[in-house]
Amino acid sequence: MSSPALDPGGSLPDRFTCYGAGESPPFDFERVPEPTEALAIVAEYDSGGITDPIFWTLWNVPPDTERIPAGLPRSATVQSLGGAAQGRPEGGEVGYEPPCPQPGQPYTNRFQLYALGEVLDVADGTDHDTASEAIGDAVLASQQIAVDFERTPTP
């Protein structure tokens, strides 16, 4: 997995945060291990707290997908990705929830790609924690891209 917009260990561009367009980043896939039945992404940020809040879950992406484009719609089902599903934060909207740290508060954003051994029987639009647990139960392989983000305080 790679991303034409994210450099591992670099900074998350503003366009993928609440300070920019707030769109989901793009990802490219070169090869997927056999017998992958579906792909998934879980994105979370680490602000040094006890828990790592999840801000995006995407699952049941067909295994022959070569690219997830930037700016996926905030819908439970993503038709352009073969009917893939997106989750939501508890009480929040479905889809990518752009990171939005307070100025001066650094975050590490982790985008974890998973090759799944089965298509998940998880309802589109379910909460991130439930989706993430189901993804974790079906993992064959995974890869991570981590990027930092810190909004500079304005004087």
N, C-alpha and C. Protein backbone atom coordinates (compact mmCIF):
# COMPACT_ATOMS: atom_id res chain seq x y z
N MET A 1 0.85 -1.18 0.00
CA MET A 1 0.00 0.00 0.00
C MET A 1 0.89 1.22 0.00
N SER A 2 0.46 2.20 -0.73
CA SER A 2 1.13 3.50 -0.70
C SER A 2 0.06 4.56 -0.93
N SER A 3 0.48 5.80 -0.77
CA SER A 3 -0.43 6.90 -1.03
C SER A 3 0.34 7.98 -1.78
N PRO A 4 -0.19 8.44 -2.91
CA PRO A 4 0.48 9.52 -3.62
C PRO A 4 0.43 10.85 -2.87
N ALA A 5 -0.35 10.91 -1.79
CA ALA A 5 -0.52 12.16 -1.04
C ALA A 5 0.10 12.13 0.35
N LEU A 6 0.53 10.94 0.82
CA LEU A 6 1.06 10.82 2.18
C LEU A 6 2.47 10.24 2.13
N ASP A 7 3.40 10.89 2.82
CA ASP A 7 4.75 10.38 2.97
C ASP A 7 4.88 9.79 4.37
N PRO A 8 5.14 8.46 4.48
CA PRO A 8 5.28 7.87 5.81
C PRO A 8 6.30 8.64 6.65
N GLY A 9 5.91 8.97 7.86
CA GLY A 9 6.76 9.74 8.75
C GLY A 9 6.69 11.23 8.50
N GLY A 10 5.99 11.65 7.44
CA GLY A 10 5.85 13.07 7.12
C GLY A 10 4.65 13.67 7.81
N SER A 11 4.14 14.75 7.23
CA SER A 11 3.00 15.46 7.80
C SER A 11 1.74 15.22 6.97
N LEU A 12 0.61 15.16 7.65
CA LEU A 12 -0.68 15.02 6.99
C LEU A 12 -1.02 16.35 6.33
N PRO A 13 -1.19 16.38 5.00
CA PRO A 13 -1.56 17.64 4.34
C PRO A 13 -2.89 18.19 4.86
N ASP A 14 -2.98 19.51 4.93
CA ASP A 14 -4.19 20.17 5.42
C ASP A 14 -5.46 19.71 4.72
N ARG A 15 -5.36 19.36 3.43
CA ARG A 15 -6.57 19.00 2.68
C ARG A 15 -7.27 17.79 3.27
N PHE A 16 -6.57 16.98 4.08
CA PHE A 16 -7.16 15.79 4.69
C PHE A 16 -7.55 16.02 6.14
N THR A 17 -7.58 17.29 6.56
CA THR A 17 -7.95 17.66 7.93
C THR A 17 -9.13 18.62 7.90
N CYS A 18 -9.64 18.97 9.07
CA CYS A 18 -10.75 19.93 9.14
C CYS A 18 -10.29 21.34 8.81
N TYR A 19 -8.99 21.56 8.74
CA TYR A 19 -8.46 22.88 8.39
C TYR A 19 -8.36 23.06 6.88
N GLY A 20 -8.62 22.00 6.13
CA GLY A 20 -8.63 22.05 4.67
C GLY A 20 -9.97 21.53 4.18
N ALA A 21 -9.96 20.81 3.07
CA ALA A 21 -11.20 20.28 2.49
C ALA A 21 -11.81 19.16 3.32
N GLY A 22 -10.99 18.51 4.17
CA GLY A 22 -11.52 17.43 5.01
C GLY A 22 -11.81 16.16 4.25
N GLU A 23 -11.13 15.98 3.10
CA GLU A 23 -11.41 14.79 2.30
C GLU A 23 -10.52 13.61 2.71
N SER A 24 -10.99 12.42 2.39
CA SER A 24 -10.21 11.22 2.67
C SER A 24 -9.04 11.15 1.69
N PRO A 25 -7.89 10.62 2.16
CA PRO A 25 -6.73 10.52 1.28
C PRO A 25 -6.83 9.35 0.30
N PRO A 26 -6.06 9.42 -0.79
CA PRO A 26 -6.05 8.31 -1.75
C PRO A 26 -5.03 7.24 -1.34
N PHE A 27 -5.28 6.01 -1.77
CA PHE A 27 -4.36 4.90 -1.52
C PHE A 27 -4.25 4.05 -2.79
N ASP A 28 -3.04 3.54 -3.03
CA ASP A 28 -2.78 2.65 -4.16
C ASP A 28 -2.38 1.29 -3.62
N PHE A 29 -2.75 0.24 -4.36
CA PHE A 29 -2.42 -1.13 -3.98
C PHE A 29 -1.67 -1.79 -5.12
N GLU A 30 -0.53 -2.39 -4.82
CA GLU A 30 0.26 -3.05 -5.86
C GLU A 30 0.00 -4.55 -5.90
N ARG A 31 0.00 -5.19 -4.77
CA ARG A 31 -0.28 -6.63 -4.74
C ARG A 31 -0.94 -6.97 -3.41
N VAL A 32 -1.77 -7.99 -3.48
CA VAL A 32 -2.55 -8.40 -2.33
C VAL A 32 -2.28 -9.89 -2.11
N PRO A 33 -2.06 -10.31 -0.87
CA PRO A 33 -1.78 -11.73 -0.63
C PRO A 33 -3.00 -12.61 -0.92
N GLU A 34 -2.74 -13.82 -1.35
CA GLU A 34 -3.81 -14.81 -1.54
C GLU A 34 -4.12 -15.42 -0.18
N PRO A 35 -5.28 -15.75 0.18
CA PRO A 35 -6.54 -15.71 -0.55
C PRO A 35 -7.41 -14.53 -0.11
N THR A 36 -6.95 -13.30 -0.31
CA THR A 36 -7.69 -12.11 0.11
C THR A 36 -9.06 -12.06 -0.55
N GLU A 37 -10.07 -11.84 0.27
CA GLU A 37 -11.45 -11.72 -0.22
C GLU A 37 -11.93 -10.28 -0.22
N ALA A 38 -11.30 -9.42 0.59
CA ALA A 38 -11.70 -8.01 0.67
C ALA A 38 -10.56 -7.22 1.31
N LEU A 39 -10.59 -5.91 1.10
CA LEU A 39 -9.63 -4.99 1.71
C LEU A 39 -10.37 -4.08 2.68
N ALA A 40 -9.63 -3.55 3.64
CA ALA A 40 -10.22 -2.62 4.61
C ALA A 40 -9.17 -1.60 5.02
N ILE A 41 -9.63 -0.45 5.50
CA ILE A 41 -8.75 0.57 6.08
C ILE A 41 -9.36 1.01 7.40
N VAL A 42 -8.50 1.12 8.41
CA VAL A 42 -8.89 1.72 9.69
C VAL A 42 -7.91 2.85 9.93
N ALA A 43 -8.42 4.05 10.17
CA ALA A 43 -7.59 5.21 10.45
C ALA A 43 -7.87 5.68 11.87
N GLU A 44 -6.78 5.89 12.61
CA GLU A 44 -6.91 6.36 13.98
C GLU A 44 -5.80 7.34 14.26
N TYR A 45 -5.98 8.14 15.30
CA TYR A 45 -4.92 9.06 15.68
C TYR A 45 -4.50 8.83 17.11
N ASP A 46 -3.24 9.11 17.34
CA ASP A 46 -2.64 8.94 18.65
C ASP A 46 -2.21 10.32 19.14
N SER A 47 -2.89 10.78 20.17
CA SER A 47 -2.55 12.08 20.74
C SER A 47 -1.86 11.92 22.08
N GLY A 48 -1.42 10.69 22.38
CA GLY A 48 -0.75 10.45 23.65
C GLY A 48 -1.70 10.08 24.77
N GLY A 49 -2.98 9.94 24.45
CA GLY A 49 -3.96 9.58 25.47
C GLY A 49 -4.03 8.08 25.68
N ILE A 50 -5.01 7.64 26.45
CA ILE A 50 -5.18 6.22 26.77
C ILE A 50 -5.73 5.46 25.57
N THR A 51 -6.66 6.04 24.86
CA THR A 51 -7.26 5.36 23.71
C THR A 51 -6.84 6.04 22.43
N ASP A 52 -6.94 5.30 21.34
CA ASP A 52 -6.64 5.83 20.01
C ASP A 52 -7.95 5.95 19.25
N PRO A 53 -8.53 7.14 19.21
CA PRO A 53 -9.82 7.31 18.52
C PRO A 53 -9.72 6.97 17.03
N ILE A 54 -10.70 6.22 16.56
CA ILE A 54 -10.79 5.86 15.14
C ILE A 54 -11.57 6.96 14.44
N PHE A 55 -11.03 7.44 13.30
CA PHE A 55 -11.76 8.47 12.56
C PHE A 55 -12.21 8.02 11.17
N TRP A 56 -11.91 6.75 10.82
CA TRP A 56 -12.41 6.24 9.53
C TRP A 56 -12.31 4.74 9.50
N THR A 57 -13.37 4.08 9.07
CA THR A 57 -13.34 2.66 8.75
C THR A 57 -13.96 2.48 7.37
N LEU A 58 -13.30 1.67 6.58
CA LEU A 58 -13.74 1.34 5.22
C LEU A 58 -13.49 -0.15 5.06
N TRP A 59 -14.48 -0.91 4.63
CA TRP A 59 -14.30 -2.36 4.51
C TRP A 59 -15.09 -2.90 3.32
N ASN A 60 -14.78 -4.16 3.00
CA ASN A 60 -15.37 -4.87 1.85
C ASN A 60 -15.04 -4.20 0.52
N VAL A 61 -13.82 -3.63 0.45
CA VAL A 61 -13.30 -3.13 -0.82
C VAL A 61 -12.86 -4.36 -1.62
N PRO A 62 -13.27 -4.51 -2.88
CA PRO A 62 -12.87 -5.68 -3.66
C PRO A 62 -11.35 -5.82 -3.72
N PRO A 63 -10.84 -7.06 -3.64
CA PRO A 63 -9.40 -7.28 -3.58
C PRO A 63 -8.64 -6.92 -4.85
N ASP A 64 -9.34 -6.76 -5.97
CA ASP A 64 -8.67 -6.37 -7.21
C ASP A 64 -8.61 -4.85 -7.39
N THR A 65 -9.00 -4.10 -6.37
CA THR A 65 -8.96 -2.64 -6.41
C THR A 65 -7.52 -2.16 -6.46
N GLU A 66 -7.20 -1.29 -7.38
CA GLU A 66 -5.85 -0.75 -7.49
C GLU A 66 -5.71 0.61 -6.82
N ARG A 67 -6.80 1.36 -6.72
CA ARG A 67 -6.74 2.68 -6.10
C ARG A 67 -8.04 3.02 -5.40
N ILE A 68 -7.89 3.58 -4.21
CA ILE A 68 -9.01 4.23 -3.52
C ILE A 68 -8.76 5.71 -3.74
N PRO A 69 -9.65 6.39 -4.45
CA PRO A 69 -9.41 7.80 -4.75
C PRO A 69 -9.61 8.70 -3.52
N ALA A 70 -9.06 9.88 -3.59
CA ALA A 70 -9.27 10.88 -2.53
C ALA A 70 -10.72 11.34 -2.56
N GLY A 71 -11.18 11.80 -1.42
CA GLY A 71 -12.49 12.43 -1.35
C GLY A 71 -13.66 11.50 -1.53
N LEU A 72 -13.64 10.33 -0.87
CA LEU A 72 -14.80 9.44 -0.96
C LEU A 72 -16.02 10.14 -0.39
N PRO A 73 -17.20 9.84 -0.93
CA PRO A 73 -18.42 10.46 -0.39
C PRO A 73 -18.68 9.97 1.03
N ARG A 74 -19.35 10.80 1.80
CA ARG A 74 -19.70 10.42 3.17
C ARG A 74 -21.01 9.66 3.14
N SER A 75 -20.91 8.44 2.62
CA SER A 75 -22.08 7.57 2.52
C SER A 75 -21.73 6.21 3.09
N ALA A 76 -22.73 5.50 3.59
CA ALA A 76 -22.50 4.19 4.19
C ALA A 76 -22.00 3.18 3.16
N THR A 77 -22.47 3.29 1.93
CA THR A 77 -22.05 2.41 0.85
C THR A 77 -21.35 3.24 -0.21
N VAL A 78 -20.18 2.76 -0.65
CA VAL A 78 -19.40 3.47 -1.68
C VAL A 78 -19.51 2.66 -2.97
N GLN A 79 -20.45 3.05 -3.82
CA GLN A 79 -20.71 2.30 -5.06
C GLN A 79 -19.50 2.26 -5.98
N SER A 80 -18.71 3.35 -6.01
CA SER A 80 -17.55 3.40 -6.90
C SER A 80 -16.46 2.41 -6.48
N LEU A 81 -16.57 1.83 -5.30
CA LEU A 81 -15.63 0.82 -4.82
C LEU A 81 -16.34 -0.52 -4.65
N GLY A 82 -17.19 -0.85 -5.58
CA GLY A 82 -17.85 -2.15 -5.57
C GLY A 82 -18.79 -2.37 -4.41
N GLY A 83 -19.36 -1.30 -3.86
CA GLY A 83 -20.29 -1.43 -2.75
C GLY A 83 -19.60 -1.54 -1.40
N ALA A 84 -18.35 -1.09 -1.31
CA ALA A 84 -17.64 -1.09 -0.03
C ALA A 84 -18.44 -0.30 1.01
N ALA A 85 -18.16 -0.58 2.27
CA ALA A 85 -18.90 0.05 3.37
C ALA A 85 -18.01 0.98 4.17
N GLN A 86 -18.62 2.02 4.73
CA GLN A 86 -17.92 2.92 5.65
C GLN A 86 -18.67 2.94 6.97
N GLY A 87 -17.89 3.17 8.03
CA GLY A 87 -18.47 3.25 9.36
C GLY A 87 -18.63 4.70 9.81
N ARG A 88 -18.95 4.84 11.10
CA ARG A 88 -19.19 6.16 11.67
C ARG A 88 -18.76 6.17 13.13
N PRO A 89 -18.37 7.35 13.63
CA PRO A 89 -18.11 7.43 15.07
C PRO A 89 -19.44 7.36 15.81
N GLU A 90 -19.40 6.91 17.04
CA GLU A 90 -20.63 6.84 17.83
C GLU A 90 -21.30 8.20 17.86
N GLY A 91 -22.54 8.26 17.38
CA GLY A 91 -23.30 9.49 17.36
C GLY A 91 -22.90 10.46 16.26
N GLY A 92 -22.00 10.05 15.38
CA GLY A 92 -21.51 10.94 14.32
C GLY A 92 -21.97 10.53 12.94
N GLU A 93 -21.41 11.22 11.94
CA GLU A 93 -21.74 10.96 10.55
C GLU A 93 -20.89 9.84 9.97
N VAL A 94 -21.44 9.17 8.98
CA VAL A 94 -20.74 8.11 8.27
C VAL A 94 -19.60 8.69 7.43
N GLY A 95 -18.53 7.93 7.29
CA GLY A 95 -17.43 8.29 6.40
C GLY A 95 -16.23 8.86 7.12
N TYR A 96 -15.30 9.36 6.33
CA TYR A 96 -14.05 9.91 6.83
C TYR A 96 -14.32 11.16 7.66
N GLU A 97 -13.91 11.13 8.91
CA GLU A 97 -14.05 12.29 9.81
C GLU A 97 -12.66 12.92 9.91
N PRO A 98 -12.43 14.05 9.25
CA PRO A 98 -11.07 14.58 9.19
C PRO A 98 -10.52 14.95 10.56
N PRO A 99 -9.25 14.62 10.81
CA PRO A 99 -8.63 15.01 12.07
C PRO A 99 -8.71 16.52 12.28
N CYS A 100 -8.90 16.92 13.54
CA CYS A 100 -9.09 18.33 13.83
C CYS A 100 -8.51 18.67 15.20
N PRO A 101 -7.18 18.50 15.37
CA PRO A 101 -6.60 18.79 16.67
C PRO A 101 -6.61 20.28 16.98
N GLN A 102 -6.61 20.58 18.26
CA GLN A 102 -6.49 21.97 18.70
C GLN A 102 -5.10 22.48 18.32
N PRO A 103 -4.94 23.76 18.04
CA PRO A 103 -3.61 24.29 17.74
C PRO A 103 -2.61 23.95 18.84
N GLY A 104 -1.43 23.50 18.41
CA GLY A 104 -0.37 23.15 19.34
C GLY A 104 -0.45 21.73 19.88
N GLN A 105 -1.49 20.99 19.52
CA GLN A 105 -1.65 19.61 19.99
C GLN A 105 -1.26 18.65 18.88
N PRO A 106 -0.11 17.95 19.00
CA PRO A 106 0.35 17.06 17.93
C PRO A 106 -0.40 15.72 17.93
N TYR A 107 -0.61 15.19 16.74
CA TYR A 107 -1.25 13.90 16.55
C TYR A 107 -0.42 13.08 15.58
N THR A 108 -0.38 11.77 15.79
CA THR A 108 0.12 10.85 14.79
C THR A 108 -1.10 10.14 14.23
N ASN A 109 -1.26 10.21 12.92
CA ASN A 109 -2.39 9.59 12.24
C ASN A 109 -1.92 8.30 11.60
N ARG A 110 -2.58 7.19 11.93
CA ARG A 110 -2.21 5.89 11.38
C ARG A 110 -3.30 5.40 10.45
N PHE A 111 -2.90 5.09 9.22
CA PHE A 111 -3.79 4.51 8.23
C PHE A 111 -3.35 3.07 8.05
N GLN A 112 -4.17 2.13 8.51
CA GLN A 112 -3.82 0.71 8.48
C GLN A 112 -4.65 0.03 7.40
N LEU A 113 -3.96 -0.58 6.42
CA LEU A 113 -4.63 -1.35 5.38
C LEU A 113 -4.65 -2.80 5.81
N TYR A 114 -5.77 -3.45 5.59
CA TYR A 114 -5.91 -4.85 5.93
C TYR A 114 -6.33 -5.65 4.71
N ALA A 115 -5.69 -6.80 4.51
CA ALA A 115 -6.16 -7.82 3.57
C ALA A 115 -6.99 -8.77 4.42
N LEU A 116 -8.23 -9.00 4.02
CA LEU A 116 -9.15 -9.81 4.81
C LEU A 116 -9.39 -11.17 4.15
N GLY A 117 -9.53 -12.18 4.96
CA GLY A 117 -9.78 -13.53 4.45
C GLY A 117 -11.23 -13.80 4.15
N GLU A 118 -12.09 -12.82 4.40
CA GLU A 118 -13.51 -12.97 4.11
C GLU A 118 -14.15 -11.60 3.90
N VAL A 119 -15.25 -11.60 3.18
CA VAL A 119 -16.07 -10.39 3.07
C VAL A 119 -16.83 -10.30 4.38
N LEU A 120 -16.82 -9.12 4.99
CA LEU A 120 -17.43 -8.96 6.31
C LEU A 120 -18.94 -8.85 6.25
N ASP A 121 -19.59 -9.50 7.19
CA ASP A 121 -21.04 -9.41 7.33
C ASP A 121 -21.34 -8.37 8.40
N VAL A 122 -20.98 -7.12 8.08
CA VAL A 122 -21.16 -6.00 9.00
C VAL A 122 -21.95 -4.94 8.23
N ALA A 123 -23.02 -4.46 8.82
CA ALA A 123 -23.89 -3.49 8.15
C ALA A 123 -23.15 -2.20 7.80
N ASP A 124 -23.39 -1.69 6.60
CA ASP A 124 -22.85 -0.39 6.19
C ASP A 124 -23.31 0.66 7.19
N GLY A 125 -22.41 1.56 7.56
CA GLY A 125 -22.76 2.64 8.48
C GLY A 125 -22.69 2.27 9.94
N THR A 126 -22.22 1.06 10.26
CA THR A 126 -22.10 0.68 11.67
C THR A 126 -21.03 1.52 12.35
N ASP A 127 -20.95 1.48 13.67
CA ASP A 127 -19.99 2.30 14.38
C ASP A 127 -18.56 1.77 14.16
N HIS A 128 -17.58 2.69 14.23
CA HIS A 128 -16.18 2.35 13.96
C HIS A 128 -15.67 1.21 14.83
N ASP A 129 -16.01 1.19 16.10
CA ASP A 129 -15.49 0.15 16.99
C ASP A 129 -15.96 -1.24 16.56
N THR A 130 -17.23 -1.38 16.22
CA THR A 130 -17.76 -2.66 15.77
C THR A 130 -17.11 -3.08 14.46
N ALA A 131 -16.98 -2.14 13.53
CA ALA A 131 -16.35 -2.44 12.24
C ALA A 131 -14.89 -2.83 12.44
N SER A 132 -14.18 -2.09 13.26
CA SER A 132 -12.76 -2.36 13.51
C SER A 132 -12.56 -3.74 14.14
N GLU A 133 -13.42 -4.12 15.05
CA GLU A 133 -13.33 -5.44 15.68
C GLU A 133 -13.54 -6.55 14.65
N ALA A 134 -14.54 -6.39 13.78
CA ALA A 134 -14.78 -7.39 12.73
C ALA A 134 -13.61 -7.46 11.76
N ILE A 135 -13.05 -6.31 11.42
CA ILE A 135 -11.87 -6.28 10.53
C ILE A 135 -10.73 -7.05 11.19
N GLY A 136 -10.48 -6.78 12.46
CA GLY A 136 -9.40 -7.45 13.18
C GLY A 136 -9.55 -8.96 13.24
N ASP A 137 -10.79 -9.44 13.26
CA ASP A 137 -11.05 -10.89 13.32
C ASP A 137 -10.81 -11.59 11.98
N ALA A 138 -10.71 -10.83 10.88
CA ALA A 138 -10.60 -11.43 9.54
C ALA A 138 -9.27 -11.14 8.85
N VAL A 139 -8.28 -10.60 9.58
CA VAL A 139 -7.02 -10.15 8.97
C VAL A 139 -6.15 -11.31 8.50
N LEU A 140 -5.68 -11.19 7.25
CA LEU A 140 -4.64 -12.07 6.71
C LEU A 140 -3.29 -11.37 6.78
N ALA A 141 -3.28 -10.07 6.45
CA ALA A 141 -2.05 -9.28 6.43
C ALA A 141 -2.43 -7.82 6.61
N SER A 142 -1.44 -7.00 7.00
CA SER A 142 -1.71 -5.57 7.14
C SER A 142 -0.45 -4.77 6.88
N GLN A 143 -0.65 -3.51 6.59
CA GLN A 143 0.44 -2.56 6.38
C GLN A 143 -0.04 -1.20 6.85
N GLN A 144 0.88 -0.38 7.37
CA GLN A 144 0.52 0.91 7.96
C GLN A 144 1.30 2.06 7.34
N ILE A 145 0.61 3.19 7.21
CA ILE A 145 1.24 4.46 6.89
C ILE A 145 0.93 5.40 8.06
N ALA A 146 1.97 5.95 8.67
CA ALA A 146 1.78 6.88 9.80
C ALA A 146 2.31 8.24 9.40
N VAL A 147 1.51 9.27 9.65
CA VAL A 147 1.90 10.65 9.37
C VAL A 147 1.52 11.51 10.57
N ASP A 148 2.24 12.58 10.77
CA ASP A 148 1.99 13.49 11.89
C ASP A 148 1.15 14.68 11.44
N PHE A 149 0.48 15.28 12.40
CA PHE A 149 -0.23 16.52 12.12
C PHE A 149 -0.26 17.37 13.39
N GLU A 150 0.11 18.62 13.24
CA GLU A 150 0.01 19.57 14.35
C GLU A 150 -0.35 20.91 13.77
N ARG A 151 -1.40 21.48 14.25
CA ARG A 151 -1.82 22.81 13.81
C ARG A 151 -1.05 23.84 14.63
N THR A 152 -0.36 24.71 13.95
CA THR A 152 0.42 25.75 14.63
C THR A 152 -0.53 26.80 15.20
N PRO A 153 -0.34 27.17 16.47
CA PRO A 153 -1.20 28.21 17.06
C PRO A 153 -1.00 29.52 16.30
N THR A 154 -2.10 30.23 16.08
CA THR A 154 -2.01 31.54 15.45
C THR A 154 -1.79 32.60 16.51
N PRO A 155 -0.85 33.52 16.24
CA PRO A 155 -0.55 34.55 17.24
C PRO A 155 -1.68 35.55 17.41
